[in-house]
Amino acid sequence: MTYTELALVSVLLVVLVDLFVLKTRLLTRKGYWTAYAIIVFFQLITNWWLTSRKILSYSEEAIIGWRIASAPAEDLLFGFSMVTLTMALWIYWGRRGIQRT
């Protein structure tokens, strides 16, 4: 499975988990998209810094080739998946009163 395929599958799974498994419906909230826009800005800066300095590199055969801020476009998909799943779990567990004591 290529990096592109994994990124697309991760987005699909996170959307399904948010809407149908955890039922947090985070993706339907304006506040989520506002927060995500801020996160994406910093993700692009970080991606640019890491990839332009050759700290991270990607096999050209594993990505579609589109780059945003010198990083593969797929990085935005993985970033979306990680941020969304983390926030959805935070809300889910918070509703159930699960917290550190």
N, C-alpha and C. Protein backbone atom coordinates (compact mmCIF):
# COMPACT_ATOMS: atom_id res chain seq x y z
N MET A 1 0.84 -1.17 0.00
CA MET A 1 0.00 0.00 0.00
C MET A 1 0.90 1.25 0.00
N THR A 2 0.58 2.21 -0.85
CA THR A 2 1.40 3.42 -0.94
C THR A 2 1.04 4.40 0.17
N TYR A 3 1.90 5.38 0.32
CA TYR A 3 1.67 6.45 1.29
C TYR A 3 0.34 7.16 0.99
N THR A 4 0.07 7.36 -0.28
CA THR A 4 -1.18 8.00 -0.70
C THR A 4 -2.38 7.16 -0.28
N GLU A 5 -2.34 5.88 -0.53
CA GLU A 5 -3.45 5.00 -0.15
C GLU A 5 -3.65 4.98 1.36
N LEU A 6 -2.56 4.90 2.11
CA LEU A 6 -2.67 4.91 3.56
C LEU A 6 -3.28 6.21 4.06
N ALA A 7 -2.89 7.32 3.47
CA ALA A 7 -3.41 8.63 3.88
C ALA A 7 -4.92 8.71 3.61
N LEU A 8 -5.34 8.24 2.45
CA LEU A 8 -6.77 8.28 2.11
C LEU A 8 -7.58 7.36 3.03
N VAL A 9 -7.05 6.17 3.31
CA VAL A 9 -7.73 5.24 4.21
C VAL A 9 -7.83 5.83 5.61
N SER A 10 -6.77 6.50 6.06
CA SER A 10 -6.80 7.09 7.41
C SER A 10 -7.89 8.16 7.51
N VAL A 11 -8.04 8.97 6.48
CA VAL A 11 -9.08 10.00 6.50
C VAL A 11 -10.46 9.36 6.54
N LEU A 12 -10.68 8.37 5.70
CA LEU A 12 -11.98 7.69 5.68
C LEU A 12 -12.30 7.07 7.04
N LEU A 13 -11.34 6.38 7.63
CA LEU A 13 -11.57 5.74 8.92
C LEU A 13 -11.86 6.77 10.02
N VAL A 14 -11.12 7.86 10.04
CA VAL A 14 -11.34 8.87 11.08
C VAL A 14 -12.71 9.53 10.92
N VAL A 15 -13.11 9.80 9.70
CA VAL A 15 -14.45 10.37 9.48
C VAL A 15 -15.52 9.41 9.99
N LEU A 16 -15.39 8.14 9.68
CA LEU A 16 -16.36 7.15 10.14
C LEU A 16 -16.35 7.02 11.67
N VAL A 17 -15.17 7.02 12.26
CA VAL A 17 -15.06 6.92 13.72
C VAL A 17 -15.70 8.14 14.37
N ASP A 18 -15.43 9.33 13.87
CA ASP A 18 -16.00 10.54 14.45
C ASP A 18 -17.52 10.55 14.35
N LEU A 19 -18.05 10.26 13.19
CA LEU A 19 -19.49 10.40 12.96
C LEU A 19 -20.32 9.22 13.45
N PHE A 20 -19.77 8.00 13.37
CA PHE A 20 -20.61 6.83 13.63
C PHE A 20 -20.19 5.95 14.81
N VAL A 21 -18.92 5.99 15.17
CA VAL A 21 -18.46 5.15 16.29
C VAL A 21 -18.48 5.96 17.59
N LEU A 22 -17.71 7.03 17.62
CA LEU A 22 -17.67 7.86 18.82
C LEU A 22 -18.86 8.82 18.90
N LYS A 23 -19.41 9.15 17.75
CA LYS A 23 -20.58 10.05 17.62
C LYS A 23 -20.34 11.41 18.25
N THR A 24 -19.11 11.91 18.11
CA THR A 24 -18.81 13.25 18.61
C THR A 24 -19.23 14.32 17.62
N ARG A 25 -19.35 13.95 16.36
CA ARG A 25 -19.77 14.85 15.28
C ARG A 25 -18.90 16.11 15.23
N LEU A 26 -17.66 15.93 15.56
CA LEU A 26 -16.69 17.02 15.55
C LEU A 26 -16.61 17.68 14.19
N LEU A 27 -16.68 16.90 13.14
CA LEU A 27 -16.53 17.41 11.79
C LEU A 27 -17.69 18.30 11.35
N THR A 28 -18.75 18.33 12.11
CA THR A 28 -19.90 19.16 11.77
C THR A 28 -19.88 20.50 12.51
N ARG A 29 -18.82 20.75 13.28
CA ARG A 29 -18.76 21.95 14.11
C ARG A 29 -17.85 23.02 13.50
N LYS A 30 -18.34 24.25 13.51
CA LYS A 30 -17.55 25.38 13.01
C LYS A 30 -16.28 25.56 13.83
N GLY A 31 -16.37 25.39 15.14
CA GLY A 31 -15.22 25.56 16.01
C GLY A 31 -14.08 24.61 15.67
N TYR A 32 -14.43 23.39 15.28
CA TYR A 32 -13.41 22.42 14.88
C TYR A 32 -12.64 22.94 13.67
N TRP A 33 -13.36 23.40 12.66
CA TRP A 33 -12.73 23.85 11.42
C TRP A 33 -11.89 25.11 11.64
N THR A 34 -12.31 25.95 12.57
CA THR A 34 -11.50 27.13 12.92
C THR A 34 -10.19 26.68 13.57
N ALA A 35 -10.28 25.78 14.53
CA ALA A 35 -9.09 25.26 15.19
C ALA A 35 -8.20 24.53 14.19
N TYR A 36 -8.80 23.77 13.31
CA TYR A 36 -8.03 23.01 12.33
C TYR A 36 -7.27 23.93 11.38
N ALA A 37 -7.88 25.04 11.00
CA ALA A 37 -7.20 26.00 10.12
C ALA A 37 -5.92 26.53 10.77
N ILE A 38 -5.98 26.78 12.06
CA ILE A 38 -4.80 27.24 12.79
C ILE A 38 -3.74 26.14 12.81
N ILE A 39 -4.17 24.92 13.06
CA ILE A 39 -3.25 23.79 13.12
C ILE A 39 -2.59 23.56 11.76
N VAL A 40 -3.36 23.64 10.68
CA VAL A 40 -2.82 23.41 9.33
C VAL A 40 -1.73 24.45 9.01
N PHE A 41 -1.95 25.68 9.42
CA PHE A 41 -0.94 26.72 9.19
C PHE A 41 0.40 26.28 9.78
N PHE A 42 0.39 25.84 11.03
CA PHE A 42 1.64 25.43 11.68
C PHE A 42 2.16 24.10 11.12
N GLN A 43 1.27 23.24 10.69
CA GLN A 43 1.71 21.99 10.07
C GLN A 43 2.47 22.28 8.78
N LEU A 44 1.99 23.23 8.00
CA LEU A 44 2.66 23.57 6.75
C LEU A 44 4.05 24.14 7.01
N ILE A 45 4.17 24.98 8.03
CA ILE A 45 5.48 25.53 8.38
C ILE A 45 6.43 24.40 8.80
N THR A 46 5.95 23.51 9.65
CA THR A 46 6.76 22.40 10.12
C THR A 46 7.14 21.47 8.97
N ASN A 47 6.16 21.13 8.12
CA ASN A 47 6.45 20.27 6.96
C ASN A 47 7.50 20.90 6.06
N TRP A 48 7.36 22.19 5.80
CA TRP A 48 8.33 22.87 4.96
C TRP A 48 9.73 22.79 5.57
N TRP A 49 9.84 23.08 6.85
CA TRP A 49 11.14 23.09 7.51
C TRP A 49 11.79 21.71 7.46
N LEU A 50 11.02 20.67 7.76
CA LEU A 50 11.58 19.32 7.80
C LEU A 50 11.96 18.80 6.42
N THR A 51 11.14 19.06 5.42
CA THR A 51 11.41 18.50 4.10
C THR A 51 12.40 19.35 3.30
N SER A 52 12.37 20.65 3.45
CA SER A 52 13.30 21.50 2.69
C SER A 52 14.74 21.34 3.17
N ARG A 53 14.91 20.92 4.40
CA ARG A 53 16.25 20.70 4.95
C ARG A 53 16.67 19.22 4.85
N LYS A 54 15.85 18.44 4.17
CA LYS A 54 16.14 17.01 3.94
C LYS A 54 16.21 16.21 5.24
N ILE A 55 15.53 16.70 6.29
CA ILE A 55 15.44 15.93 7.53
C ILE A 55 14.49 14.76 7.30
N LEU A 56 13.45 15.00 6.53
CA LEU A 56 12.52 13.95 6.09
C LEU A 56 12.53 13.91 4.58
N SER A 57 12.42 12.71 4.04
CA SER A 57 12.30 12.56 2.59
C SER A 57 11.30 11.44 2.31
N TYR A 58 10.75 11.48 1.13
CA TYR A 58 9.71 10.53 0.75
C TYR A 58 10.07 9.89 -0.58
N SER A 59 9.78 8.63 -0.71
CA SER A 59 9.99 7.93 -1.97
C SER A 59 8.99 8.46 -2.99
N GLU A 60 9.49 8.89 -4.12
CA GLU A 60 8.61 9.44 -5.16
C GLU A 60 7.63 8.40 -5.69
N GLU A 61 7.97 7.12 -5.57
CA GLU A 61 7.06 6.07 -6.04
C GLU A 61 5.88 5.87 -5.10
N ALA A 62 5.99 6.33 -3.87
CA ALA A 62 4.95 6.10 -2.87
C ALA A 62 3.96 7.26 -2.73
N ILE A 63 4.25 8.38 -3.37
CA ILE A 63 3.37 9.55 -3.25
C ILE A 63 2.87 9.96 -4.63
N ILE A 64 1.82 10.79 -4.66
CA ILE A 64 1.27 11.22 -5.94
C ILE A 64 2.14 12.29 -6.61
N GLY A 65 3.01 12.93 -5.83
CA GLY A 65 3.92 13.90 -6.41
C GLY A 65 3.56 15.35 -6.15
N TRP A 66 2.34 15.61 -5.73
CA TRP A 66 1.96 16.99 -5.41
C TRP A 66 2.61 17.38 -4.10
N ARG A 67 3.19 18.54 -4.08
CA ARG A 67 3.84 19.02 -2.85
C ARG A 67 3.24 20.36 -2.44
N ILE A 68 3.08 20.50 -1.15
CA ILE A 68 2.59 21.74 -0.57
C ILE A 68 3.61 22.11 0.50
N ALA A 69 4.19 23.30 0.38
CA ALA A 69 5.25 23.72 1.30
C ALA A 69 6.38 22.68 1.33
N SER A 70 6.72 22.17 0.19
CA SER A 70 7.78 21.18 -0.08
C SER A 70 7.54 19.78 0.50
N ALA A 71 6.40 19.56 1.13
CA ALA A 71 6.06 18.24 1.65
C ALA A 71 4.96 17.61 0.79
N PRO A 72 4.89 16.29 0.76
CA PRO A 72 3.83 15.65 -0.02
C PRO A 72 2.44 16.07 0.47
N ALA A 73 1.53 16.23 -0.48
CA ALA A 73 0.15 16.61 -0.13
C ALA A 73 -0.46 15.61 0.84
N GLU A 74 -0.02 14.36 0.77
CA GLU A 74 -0.54 13.33 1.67
C GLU A 74 -0.30 13.65 3.14
N ASP A 75 0.73 14.43 3.43
CA ASP A 75 0.99 14.80 4.82
C ASP A 75 -0.18 15.57 5.42
N LEU A 76 -0.86 16.37 4.61
CA LEU A 76 -2.03 17.09 5.11
C LEU A 76 -3.15 16.12 5.47
N LEU A 77 -3.27 15.05 4.71
CA LEU A 77 -4.29 14.05 5.02
C LEU A 77 -3.98 13.34 6.33
N PHE A 78 -2.73 12.95 6.50
CA PHE A 78 -2.36 12.29 7.76
C PHE A 78 -2.50 13.25 8.94
N GLY A 79 -2.12 14.50 8.73
CA GLY A 79 -2.27 15.49 9.79
C GLY A 79 -3.72 15.66 10.19
N PHE A 80 -4.60 15.71 9.19
CA PHE A 80 -6.03 15.80 9.44
C PHE A 80 -6.49 14.61 10.28
N SER A 81 -6.06 13.43 9.91
CA SER A 81 -6.47 12.22 10.63
C SER A 81 -5.99 12.23 12.07
N MET A 82 -4.74 12.60 12.28
CA MET A 82 -4.20 12.59 13.64
C MET A 82 -4.89 13.62 14.53
N VAL A 83 -5.05 14.82 14.02
CA VAL A 83 -5.68 15.89 14.81
C VAL A 83 -7.13 15.56 15.09
N THR A 84 -7.85 15.13 14.09
CA THR A 84 -9.28 14.86 14.25
C THR A 84 -9.52 13.71 15.20
N LEU A 85 -8.78 12.62 15.07
CA LEU A 85 -8.96 11.49 15.97
C LEU A 85 -8.62 11.87 17.41
N THR A 86 -7.55 12.61 17.59
CA THR A 86 -7.17 13.04 18.94
C THR A 86 -8.26 13.89 19.57
N MET A 87 -8.78 14.85 18.82
CA MET A 87 -9.82 15.73 19.36
C MET A 87 -11.12 14.97 19.61
N ALA A 88 -11.48 14.06 18.72
CA ALA A 88 -12.70 13.27 18.89
C ALA A 88 -12.61 12.39 20.13
N LEU A 89 -11.45 11.77 20.34
CA LEU A 89 -11.27 10.94 21.54
C LEU A 89 -11.31 11.79 22.81
N TRP A 90 -10.74 12.97 22.74
CA TRP A 90 -10.75 13.89 23.88
C TRP A 90 -12.20 14.20 24.29
N ILE A 91 -13.02 14.53 23.31
CA ILE A 91 -14.43 14.84 23.58
C ILE A 91 -15.16 13.60 24.08
N TYR A 92 -14.95 12.48 23.42
CA TYR A 92 -15.61 11.23 23.79
C TYR A 92 -15.31 10.85 25.23
N TRP A 93 -14.02 10.83 25.58
CA TRP A 93 -13.64 10.46 26.94
C TRP A 93 -14.08 11.51 27.95
N GLY A 94 -14.06 12.76 27.56
CA GLY A 94 -14.52 13.83 28.45
C GLY A 94 -15.99 13.70 28.80
N ARG A 95 -16.78 13.31 27.84
CA ARG A 95 -18.22 13.10 28.09
C ARG A 95 -18.47 11.95 29.06
N ARG A 96 -17.54 11.02 29.11
CA ARG A 96 -17.68 9.87 29.98
C ARG A 96 -16.98 10.06 31.33
N GLY A 97 -16.44 11.24 31.53
CA GLY A 97 -15.81 11.54 32.81
C GLY A 97 -14.47 10.89 33.02
N ILE A 98 -13.85 10.43 31.94
CA ILE A 98 -12.54 9.79 32.06
C ILE A 98 -11.49 10.89 32.12
N GLN A 99 -10.78 10.93 33.23
CA GLN A 99 -9.74 11.94 33.40
C GLN A 99 -8.68 11.44 34.35
N ARG A 100 -7.54 12.10 34.33
CA ARG A 100 -6.45 11.76 35.25
C ARG A 100 -6.83 12.24 36.64
N THR A 101 -6.47 11.46 37.62
CA THR A 101 -6.72 11.91 38.99
C THR A 101 -5.42 12.16 39.72
